[in-house]
Amino acid sequence: MTYQLIDTFTGNVLGTYETEAEARKFEQRLVHEFNETRYEIVAPKPKTSKKETAVIEEADGQEESN
């Protein structure tokens, strides 16, 4: 699993790392402004496979009249 360090102001990927610890270590070396979140570590999203589901339609019986 890889982690990306992204500059949120420009949207550029600053680096790709194998572990979150490596990404955090590199992030700490960057310049941080007070009360600003400029850098973000993004973990890859797990791939989801689309499963086919069987759709069973129930036919309504006879309609009741009131």
PDB file of N, CA and C in Angstrom:
ATOM      1  N   MET A   1       0.852  -1.157   0.000  1.00  0.00           N
ATOM      2  CA  MET A   1       0.000   0.000   0.000  1.00  0.00           C
ATOM      3  C   MET A   1       0.906   1.230   0.000  1.00  0.00           C
ATOM      4  N   THR A   2       0.614   2.207  -0.841  1.00  0.00           N
ATOM      5  CA  THR A   2       1.426   3.414  -0.915  1.00  0.00           C
ATOM      6  C   THR A   2       0.617   4.607  -0.422  1.00  0.00           C
ATOM      7  N   TYR A   3       1.336   5.587   0.069  1.00  0.00           N
ATOM      8  CA  TYR A   3       0.731   6.826   0.561  1.00  0.00           C
ATOM      9  C   TYR A   3       1.303   7.983  -0.232  1.00  0.00           C
ATOM     10  N   GLN A   4       0.453   8.956  -0.549  1.00  0.00           N
ATOM     11  CA  GLN A   4       0.900  10.115  -1.299  1.00  0.00           C
ATOM     12  C   GLN A   4       0.850  11.345  -0.407  1.00  0.00           C
ATOM     13  N   LEU A   5       1.881  12.176  -0.508  1.00  0.00           N
ATOM     14  CA  LEU A   5       1.924  13.454   0.186  1.00  0.00           C
ATOM     15  C   LEU A   5       1.552  14.517  -0.839  1.00  0.00           C
ATOM     16  N   ILE A   6       0.452  15.234  -0.587  1.00  0.00           N
ATOM     17  CA  ILE A   6      -0.101  16.167  -1.557  1.00  0.00           C
ATOM     18  C   ILE A   6      -0.086  17.576  -0.991  1.00  0.00           C
ATOM     19  N   ASP A   7       0.316  18.536  -1.826  1.00  0.00           N
ATOM     20  CA  ASP A   7       0.231  19.961  -1.499  1.00  0.00           C
ATOM     21  C   ASP A   7      -1.189  20.399  -1.829  1.00  0.00           C
ATOM     22  N   THR A   8      -1.976  20.770  -0.820  1.00  0.00           N
ATOM     23  CA  THR A   8      -3.382  21.084  -1.040  1.00  0.00           C
ATOM     24  C   THR A   8      -3.582  22.426  -1.748  1.00  0.00           C
ATOM     25  N   PHE A   9      -2.591  23.313  -1.722  1.00  0.00           N
ATOM     26  CA  PHE A   9      -2.724  24.589  -2.410  1.00  0.00           C
ATOM     27  C   PHE A   9      -2.603  24.419  -3.920  1.00  0.00           C
ATOM     28  N   THR A  10      -1.646  23.599  -4.348  1.00  0.00           N
ATOM     29  CA  THR A  10      -1.400  23.431  -5.780  1.00  0.00           C
ATOM     30  C   THR A  10      -1.964  22.133  -6.335  1.00  0.00           C
ATOM     31  N   GLY A  11      -2.213  21.160  -5.474  1.00  0.00           N
ATOM     32  CA  GLY A  11      -2.718  19.874  -5.920  1.00  0.00           C
ATOM     33  C   GLY A  11      -1.630  18.941  -6.422  1.00  0.00           C
ATOM     34  N   ASN A  12      -0.373  19.324  -6.258  1.00  0.00           N
ATOM     35  CA  ASN A  12       0.741  18.498  -6.719  1.00  0.00           C
ATOM     36  C   ASN A  12       1.053  17.384  -5.726  1.00  0.00           C
ATOM     37  N   VAL A  13       1.458  16.242  -6.258  1.00  0.00           N
ATOM     38  CA  VAL A  13       1.918  15.129  -5.423  1.00  0.00           C
ATOM     39  C   VAL A  13       3.396  15.363  -5.154  1.00  0.00           C
ATOM     40  N   LEU A  14       3.750  15.514  -3.884  1.00  0.00           N
ATOM     41  CA  LEU A  14       5.133  15.787  -3.511  1.00  0.00           C
ATOM     42  C   LEU A  14       5.948  14.508  -3.371  1.00  0.00           C
ATOM     43  N   GLY A  15       5.292  13.395  -3.088  1.00  0.00           N
ATOM     44  CA  GLY A  15       6.011  12.141  -2.953  1.00  0.00           C
ATOM     45  C   GLY A  15       5.070  10.987  -2.729  1.00  0.00           C
ATOM     46  N   THR A  16       5.565   9.807  -3.031  1.00  0.00           N
ATOM     47  CA  THR A  16       4.819   8.580  -2.809  1.00  0.00           C
ATOM     48  C   THR A  16       5.667   7.686  -1.919  1.00  0.00           C
ATOM     49  N   TYR A  17       5.069   7.180  -0.846  1.00  0.00           N
ATOM     50  CA  TYR A  17       5.811   6.427   0.164  1.00  0.00           C
ATOM     51  C   TYR A  17       5.136   5.097   0.434  1.00  0.00           C
ATOM     52  N   GLU A  18       5.919   4.121   0.835  1.00  0.00           N
ATOM     53  CA  GLU A  18       5.413   2.780   1.097  1.00  0.00           C
ATOM     54  C   GLU A  18       4.636   2.694   2.407  1.00  0.00           C
ATOM     55  N   THR A  19       5.058   3.448   3.423  1.00  0.00           N
ATOM     56  CA  THR A  19       4.373   3.398   4.713  1.00  0.00           C
ATOM     57  C   THR A  19       3.923   4.799   5.109  1.00  0.00           C
ATOM     58  N   GLU A  20       2.945   4.837   5.997  1.00  0.00           N
ATOM     59  CA  GLU A  20       2.453   6.130   6.485  1.00  0.00           C
ATOM     60  C   GLU A  20       3.521   6.815   7.334  1.00  0.00           C
ATOM     61  N   ALA A  21       4.332   6.042   8.030  1.00  0.00           N
ATOM     62  CA  ALA A  21       5.393   6.612   8.862  1.00  0.00           C
ATOM     63  C   ALA A  21       6.411   7.376   8.012  1.00  0.00           C
ATOM     64  N   GLU A  22       6.763   6.836   6.843  1.00  0.00           N
ATOM     65  CA  GLU A  22       7.687   7.529   5.949  1.00  0.00           C
ATOM     66  C   GLU A  22       7.076   8.836   5.438  1.00  0.00           C
ATOM     67  N   ALA A  23       5.810   8.816   5.117  1.00  0.00           N
ATOM     68  CA  ALA A  23       5.134  10.010   4.635  1.00  0.00           C
ATOM     69  C   ALA A  23       5.071  11.081   5.724  1.00  0.00           C
ATOM     70  N   ARG A  24       4.762  10.680   6.955  1.00  0.00           N
ATOM     71  CA  ARG A  24       4.720  11.632   8.077  1.00  0.00           C
ATOM     72  C   ARG A  24       6.110  12.214   8.343  1.00  0.00           C
ATOM     73  N   LYS A  25       7.135  11.389   8.237  1.00  0.00           N
ATOM     74  CA  LYS A  25       8.502  11.861   8.461  1.00  0.00           C
ATOM     75  C   LYS A  25       8.871  12.942   7.441  1.00  0.00           C
ATOM     76  N   PHE A  26       8.520  12.728   6.181  1.00  0.00           N
ATOM     77  CA  PHE A  26       8.823  13.720   5.155  1.00  0.00           C
ATOM     78  C   PHE A  26       7.983  14.981   5.352  1.00  0.00           C
ATOM     79  N   GLU A  27       6.721  14.808   5.766  1.00  0.00           N
ATOM     80  CA  GLU A  27       5.840  15.957   5.987  1.00  0.00           C
ATOM     81  C   GLU A  27       6.379  16.863   7.097  1.00  0.00           C
ATOM     82  N   GLN A  28       6.965  16.274   8.133  1.00  0.00           N
ATOM     83  CA  GLN A  28       7.497  17.056   9.244  1.00  0.00           C
ATOM     84  C   GLN A  28       8.669  17.928   8.821  1.00  0.00           C
ATOM     85  N   ARG A  29       9.349  17.551   7.758  1.00  0.00           N
ATOM     86  CA  ARG A  29      10.489  18.319   7.280  1.00  0.00           C
ATOM     87  C   ARG A  29      10.080  19.530   6.451  1.00  0.00           C
ATOM     88  N   LEU A  30       8.807  19.601   6.055  1.00  0.00           N
ATOM     89  CA  LEU A  30       8.328  20.716   5.233  1.00  0.00           C
ATOM     90  C   LEU A  30       7.980  21.919   6.105  1.00  0.00           C
ATOM     91  N   VAL A  31       7.897  23.074   5.477  1.00  0.00           N
ATOM     92  CA  VAL A  31       7.558  24.311   6.185  1.00  0.00           C
ATOM     93  C   VAL A  31       6.047  24.353   6.398  1.00  0.00           C
ATOM     94  N   HIS A  32       5.648  24.560   7.648  1.00  0.00           N
ATOM     95  CA  HIS A  32       4.223  24.639   7.993  1.00  0.00           C
ATOM     96  C   HIS A  32       3.915  26.043   8.500  1.00  0.00           C
ATOM     97  N   GLU A  33       2.863  26.636   7.970  1.00  0.00           N
ATOM     98  CA  GLU A  33       2.404  27.942   8.434  1.00  0.00           C
ATOM     99  C   GLU A  33       1.448  27.737   9.609  1.00  0.00           C
ATOM    100  N   PHE A  34       1.371  28.728  10.469  1.00  0.00           N
ATOM    101  CA  PHE A  34       0.507  28.660  11.638  1.00  0.00           C
ATOM    102  C   PHE A  34      -0.955  28.644  11.203  1.00  0.00           C
ATOM    103  N   ASN A  35      -1.743  27.722  11.753  1.00  0.00           N
ATOM    104  CA  ASN A  35      -3.185  27.571  11.488  1.00  0.00           C
ATOM    105  C   ASN A  35      -3.508  27.303  10.021  1.00  0.00           C
ATOM    106  N   GLU A  36      -2.632  26.664   9.285  1.00  0.00           N
ATOM    107  CA  GLU A  36      -2.902  26.293   7.901  1.00  0.00           C
ATOM    108  C   GLU A  36      -2.618  24.811   7.705  1.00  0.00           C
ATOM    109  N   THR A  37      -3.449  24.182   6.920  1.00  0.00           N
ATOM    110  CA  THR A  37      -3.226  22.794   6.552  1.00  0.00           C
ATOM    111  C   THR A  37      -2.881  22.778   5.077  1.00  0.00           C
ATOM    112  N   ARG A  38      -1.587  22.771   4.794  1.00  0.00           N
ATOM    113  CA  ARG A  38      -1.160  22.829   3.407  1.00  0.00           C
ATOM    114  C   ARG A  38      -0.895  21.445   2.825  1.00  0.00           C
ATOM    115  N   TYR A  39      -0.456  20.520   3.648  1.00  0.00           N
ATOM    116  CA  TYR A  39      -0.077  19.202   3.153  1.00  0.00           C
ATOM    117  C   TYR A  39      -1.028  18.143   3.685  1.00  0.00           C
ATOM    118  N   GLU A  40      -1.284  17.154   2.858  1.00  0.00           N
ATOM    119  CA  GLU A  40      -2.218  16.097   3.225  1.00  0.00           C
ATOM    120  C   GLU A  40      -1.634  14.755   2.798  1.00  0.00           C
ATOM    121  N   ILE A  41      -1.748  13.774   3.664  1.00  0.00           N
ATOM    122  CA  ILE A  41      -1.320  12.421   3.334  1.00  0.00           C
ATOM    123  C   ILE A  41      -2.562  11.632   2.955  1.00  0.00           C
ATOM    124  N   VAL A  42      -2.539  11.090   1.743  1.00  0.00           N
ATOM    125  CA  VAL A  42      -3.693  10.380   1.222  1.00  0.00           C
ATOM    126  C   VAL A  42      -3.355   8.907   1.079  1.00  0.00           C
ATOM    127  N   ALA A  43      -4.155   8.082   1.719  1.00  0.00           N
ATOM    128  CA  ALA A  43      -3.997   6.635   1.604  1.00  0.00           C
ATOM    129  C   ALA A  43      -4.801   6.173   0.397  1.00  0.00           C
ATOM    130  N   PRO A  44      -4.343   5.145  -0.253  1.00  0.00           N
ATOM    131  CA  PRO A  44      -5.089   4.644  -1.408  1.00  0.00           C
ATOM    132  C   PRO A  44      -6.427   4.064  -0.974  1.00  0.00           C
ATOM    133  N   LYS A  45      -7.409   4.261  -1.798  1.00  0.00           N
ATOM    134  CA  LYS A  45      -8.724   3.709  -1.510  1.00  0.00           C
ATOM    135  C   LYS A  45      -8.738   2.255  -1.944  1.00  0.00           C
ATOM    136  N   PRO A  46      -9.299   1.402  -1.129  1.00  0.00           N
ATOM    137  CA  PRO A  46      -9.355  -0.013  -1.524  1.00  0.00           C
ATOM    138  C   PRO A  46     -10.243  -0.169  -2.753  1.00  0.00           C
ATOM    139  N   LYS A  47      -9.778  -1.007  -3.645  1.00  0.00           N
ATOM    140  CA  LYS A  47     -10.557  -1.234  -4.859  1.00  0.00           C
ATOM    141  C   LYS A  47     -11.775  -2.068  -4.521  1.00  0.00           C
ATOM    142  N   THR A  48     -12.896  -1.624  -5.003  1.00  0.00           N
ATOM    143  CA  THR A  48     -14.124  -2.369  -4.766  1.00  0.00           C
ATOM    144  C   THR A  48     -14.553  -2.975  -6.085  1.00  0.00           C
ATOM    145  N   SER A  49     -14.919  -4.203  -6.029  1.00  0.00           N
ATOM    146  CA  SER A  49     -15.391  -4.851  -7.240  1.00  0.00           C
ATOM    147  C   SER A  49     -16.909  -4.792  -7.249  1.00  0.00           C
ATOM    148  N   LYS A  50     -17.403  -4.582  -8.419  1.00  0.00           N
ATOM    149  CA  LYS A  50     -18.854  -4.534  -8.547  1.00  0.00           C
ATOM    150  C   LYS A  50     -19.371  -5.968  -8.606  1.00  0.00           C
ATOM    151  N   LYS A  51     -20.198  -6.278  -7.666  1.00  0.00           N
ATOM    152  CA  LYS A  51     -20.772  -7.611  -7.618  1.00  0.00           C
ATOM    153  C   LYS A  51     -22.137  -7.579  -8.284  1.00  0.00           C
ATOM    154  N   GLU A  52     -22.359  -8.580  -9.062  1.00  0.00           N
ATOM    155  CA  GLU A  52     -23.670  -8.671  -9.690  1.00  0.00           C
ATOM    156  C   GLU A  52     -24.649  -9.242  -8.676  1.00  0.00           C
ATOM    157  N   THR A  53     -25.736  -8.580  -8.547  1.00  0.00           N
ATOM    158  CA  THR A  53     -26.755  -9.071  -7.622  1.00  0.00           C
ATOM    159  C   THR A  53     -27.978  -9.488  -8.418  1.00  0.00           C
ATOM    160  N   ALA A  54     -28.554 -10.542  -7.995  1.00  0.00           N
ATOM    161  CA  ALA A  54     -29.754 -11.028  -8.665  1.00  0.00           C
ATOM    162  C   ALA A  54     -30.937 -10.215  -8.179  1.00  0.00           C
ATOM    163  N   VAL A  55     -31.665  -9.671  -9.111  1.00  0.00           N
ATOM    164  CA  VAL A  55     -32.846  -8.897  -8.773  1.00  0.00           C
ATOM    165  C   VAL A  55     -34.055  -9.781  -9.012  1.00  0.00           C
ATOM    166  N   ILE A  56     -34.784  -9.976  -7.966  1.00  0.00           N
ATOM    167  CA  ILE A  56     -35.980 -10.811  -8.062  1.00  0.00           C
ATOM    168  C   ILE A  56     -37.189  -9.896  -7.962  1.00  0.00           C
ATOM    169  N   GLU A  57     -37.941  -9.915  -9.021  1.00  0.00           N
ATOM    170  CA  GLU A  57     -39.141  -9.082  -9.025  1.00  0.00           C
ATOM    171  C   GLU A  57     -40.323  -9.959  -8.640  1.00  0.00           C
ATOM    172  N   GLU A  58     -41.058  -9.474  -7.694  1.00  0.00           N
ATOM    173  CA  GLU A  58     -42.242 -10.209  -7.276  1.00  0.00           C
ATOM    174  C   GLU A  58     -43.438  -9.688  -8.050  1.00  0.00           C
ATOM    175  N   ALA A  59     -44.135 -10.580  -8.663  1.00  0.00           N
ATOM    176  CA  ALA A  59     -45.331 -10.186  -9.403  1.00  0.00           C
ATOM    177  C   ALA A  59     -46.476 -10.053  -8.402  1.00  0.00           C
ATOM    178  N   ASP A  60     -47.161  -8.926  -8.498  1.00  0.00           N
ATOM    179  CA  ASP A  60     -48.308  -8.739  -7.614  1.00  0.00           C
ATOM    180  C   ASP A  60     -49.414  -9.677  -8.056  1.00  0.00           C
ATOM    181  N   GLY A  61     -50.066 -10.219  -7.084  1.00  0.00           N
ATOM    182  CA  GLY A  61     -51.193 -11.113  -7.371  1.00  0.00           C
ATOM    183  C   GLY A  61     -52.378 -10.282  -7.858  1.00  0.00           C
ATOM    184  N   GLN A  62     -53.507 -10.723  -7.551  1.00  0.00           N
ATOM    185  CA  GLN A  62     -54.705 -10.011  -7.964  1.00  0.00           C
ATOM    186  C   GLN A  62     -54.900  -8.791  -7.100  1.00  0.00           C
ATOM    187  N   GLU A  63     -55.342  -7.729  -7.736  1.00  0.00           N
ATOM    188  CA  GLU A  63     -55.587  -6.509  -6.969  1.00  0.00           C
ATOM    189  C   GLU A  63     -56.934  -6.620  -6.287  1.00  0.00           C
ATOM    190  N   GLU A  64     -56.950  -6.134  -5.075  1.00  0.00           N
ATOM    191  CA  GLU A  64     -58.209  -6.178  -4.329  1.00  0.00           C
ATOM    192  C   GLU A  64     -58.983  -4.901  -4.636  1.00  0.00           C
ATOM    193  N   SER A  65     -60.247  -5.018  -4.760  1.00  0.00           N
ATOM    194  CA  SER A  65     -61.083  -3.840  -4.987  1.00  0.00           C
ATOM    195  C   SER A  65     -61.747  -3.443  -3.683  1.00  0.00           C
ATOM    196  N   ASN A  66     -61.828  -2.158  -3.468  1.00  0.00           N
ATOM    197  CA  ASN A  66     -62.441  -1.664  -2.241  1.00  0.00           C
ATOM    198  C   ASN A  66     -63.880  -1.423  -2.407  1.00  0.00           C
TER     199      ASN A  66
END
